[in-house]
Amino acid sequence: MVAAHANCQATEVLLAVGVVLAMSTGSFIMPSLRAMITDIAPPSRRTEAFGMNRIAINLGWAGGVGLGGVFLT
């Protein structure tokens, strides 16, 4: 029983460290990502491309929270 509790605590600590790392380093890629979207998307579809990128980011955050809940239970 104690080993299972320690394993759960280790999982929670790793999850917390992962979230902190993702939040602190995740924005480092944003300038280059915006530049890539600007280079790839034609001017007439740039707004749509930026919108799709933002939707993908938000879905990733929402899905990550759900998966984290599944993994912790």
C-alpha atoms as a PDB file:
ATOM      1  CA  MET A   1       0.000   0.000   0.000  1.00  0.00           C
ATOM      2  CA  VAL A   2       2.825   2.390   0.852  1.00  0.00           C
ATOM      3  CA  ALA A   3       4.577   1.685  -2.455  1.00  0.00           C
ATOM      4  CA  ALA A   4       1.414   2.493  -4.402  1.00  0.00           C
ATOM      5  CA  HIS A   5       1.051   5.769  -2.506  1.00  0.00           C
ATOM      6  CA  ALA A   6       4.683   6.697  -3.176  1.00  0.00           C
ATOM      7  CA  ASN A   7       4.218   5.856  -6.867  1.00  0.00           C
ATOM      8  CA  CYS A   8       1.168   8.137  -7.018  1.00  0.00           C
ATOM      9  CA  GLN A   9       3.116  10.962  -5.375  1.00  0.00           C
ATOM     10  CA  ALA A  10       5.987  10.504  -7.829  1.00  0.00           C
ATOM     11  CA  THR A  11       3.529  10.652 -10.735  1.00  0.00           C
ATOM     12  CA  GLU A  12       2.011  13.859  -9.392  1.00  0.00           C
ATOM     13  CA  VAL A  13       5.449  15.431  -8.976  1.00  0.00           C
ATOM     14  CA  LEU A  14       6.447  14.466 -12.527  1.00  0.00           C
ATOM     15  CA  LEU A  15       3.181  15.847 -13.857  1.00  0.00           C
ATOM     16  CA  ALA A  16       3.696  19.116 -11.998  1.00  0.00           C
ATOM     17  CA  VAL A  17       7.263  19.420 -13.307  1.00  0.00           C
ATOM     18  CA  GLY A  18       6.052  18.720 -16.837  1.00  0.00           C
ATOM     19  CA  VAL A  19       3.373  21.400 -16.606  1.00  0.00           C
ATOM     20  CA  VAL A  20       5.846  23.965 -15.286  1.00  0.00           C
ATOM     21  CA  LEU A  21       8.306  23.138 -18.074  1.00  0.00           C
ATOM     22  CA  ALA A  22       5.611  23.306 -20.726  1.00  0.00           C
ATOM     23  CA  MET A  23       4.328  26.627 -19.461  1.00  0.00           C
ATOM     24  CA  SER A  24       7.776  28.179 -19.132  1.00  0.00           C
ATOM     25  CA  THR A  25       9.278  26.934 -22.401  1.00  0.00           C
ATOM     26  CA  GLY A  26       6.248  26.460 -24.627  1.00  0.00           C
ATOM     27  CA  SER A  27       6.195  30.061 -25.767  1.00  0.00           C
ATOM     28  CA  PHE A  28       9.796  29.950 -27.013  1.00  0.00           C
ATOM     29  CA  ILE A  29       8.615  28.493 -30.318  1.00  0.00           C
ATOM     30  CA  MET A  30       5.885  31.089 -30.944  1.00  0.00           C
ATOM     31  CA  PRO A  31       7.984  33.695 -32.873  1.00  0.00           C
ATOM     32  CA  SER A  32       9.317  31.095 -35.298  1.00  0.00           C
ATOM     33  CA  LEU A  33       5.876  29.483 -35.591  1.00  0.00           C
ATOM     34  CA  ARG A  34       4.318  32.822 -36.510  1.00  0.00           C
ATOM     35  CA  ALA A  35       7.064  33.420 -39.048  1.00  0.00           C
ATOM     36  CA  MET A  36       6.464  29.994 -40.613  1.00  0.00           C
ATOM     37  CA  ILE A  37       2.730  30.634 -40.872  1.00  0.00           C
ATOM     38  CA  THR A  38       3.418  34.021 -42.450  1.00  0.00           C
ATOM     39  CA  ASP A  39       5.809  32.466 -44.985  1.00  0.00           C
ATOM     40  CA  ILE A  40       3.623  29.484 -45.862  1.00  0.00           C
ATOM     41  CA  ALA A  41       0.098  30.927 -45.906  1.00  0.00           C
ATOM     42  CA  PRO A  42      -0.904  33.274 -48.728  1.00  0.00           C
ATOM     43  CA  PRO A  43      -1.939  36.755 -47.521  1.00  0.00           C
ATOM     44  CA  SER A  44      -5.600  36.084 -48.293  1.00  0.00           C
ATOM     45  CA  ARG A  45      -5.678  33.028 -45.968  1.00  0.00           C
ATOM     46  CA  ARG A  46      -3.305  34.168 -43.238  1.00  0.00           C
ATOM     47  CA  THR A  47      -6.033  35.019 -40.754  1.00  0.00           C
ATOM     48  CA  GLU A  48      -7.522  31.558 -41.213  1.00  0.00           C
ATOM     49  CA  ALA A  49      -4.096  29.944 -40.760  1.00  0.00           C
ATOM     50  CA  PHE A  50      -3.435  31.826 -37.530  1.00  0.00           C
ATOM     51  CA  GLY A  51      -6.920  30.924 -36.299  1.00  0.00           C
ATOM     52  CA  MET A  52      -6.406  27.237 -37.050  1.00  0.00           C
ATOM     53  CA  ASN A  53      -3.075  27.356 -35.222  1.00  0.00           C
ATOM     54  CA  ARG A  54      -4.710  28.892 -32.161  1.00  0.00           C
ATOM     55  CA  ILE A  55      -7.503  26.299 -32.218  1.00  0.00           C
ATOM     56  CA  ALA A  56      -4.897  23.517 -32.334  1.00  0.00           C
ATOM     57  CA  ILE A  57      -3.055  25.006 -29.357  1.00  0.00           C
ATOM     58  CA  ASN A  58      -6.272  25.328 -27.339  1.00  0.00           C
ATOM     59  CA  LEU A  59      -7.337  21.770 -28.188  1.00  0.00           C
ATOM     60  CA  GLY A  60      -3.921  20.568 -27.055  1.00  0.00           C
ATOM     61  CA  TRP A  61      -4.279  22.281 -23.698  1.00  0.00           C
ATOM     62  CA  ALA A  62      -7.838  21.033 -23.234  1.00  0.00           C
ATOM     63  CA  GLY A  63      -6.954  17.489 -24.276  1.00  0.00           C
ATOM     64  CA  GLY A  64      -3.838  17.515 -22.106  1.00  0.00           C
ATOM     65  CA  VAL A  65      -5.854  18.284 -19.003  1.00  0.00           C
ATOM     66  CA  GLY A  66      -8.236  15.423 -19.786  1.00  0.00           C
ATOM     67  CA  LEU A  67      -5.410  12.993 -20.465  1.00  0.00           C
ATOM     68  CA  GLY A  68      -3.665  14.070 -17.278  1.00  0.00           C
ATOM     69  CA  GLY A  69      -6.825  13.253 -15.345  1.00  0.00           C
ATOM     70  CA  VAL A  70      -7.050   9.849 -17.006  1.00  0.00           C
ATOM     71  CA  PHE A  71      -3.398   9.063 -16.274  1.00  0.00           C
ATOM     72  CA  LEU A  72      -3.682  10.078 -12.619  1.00  0.00           C
ATOM     73  CA  THR A  73      -6.709   7.914 -11.937  1.00  0.00           C
END
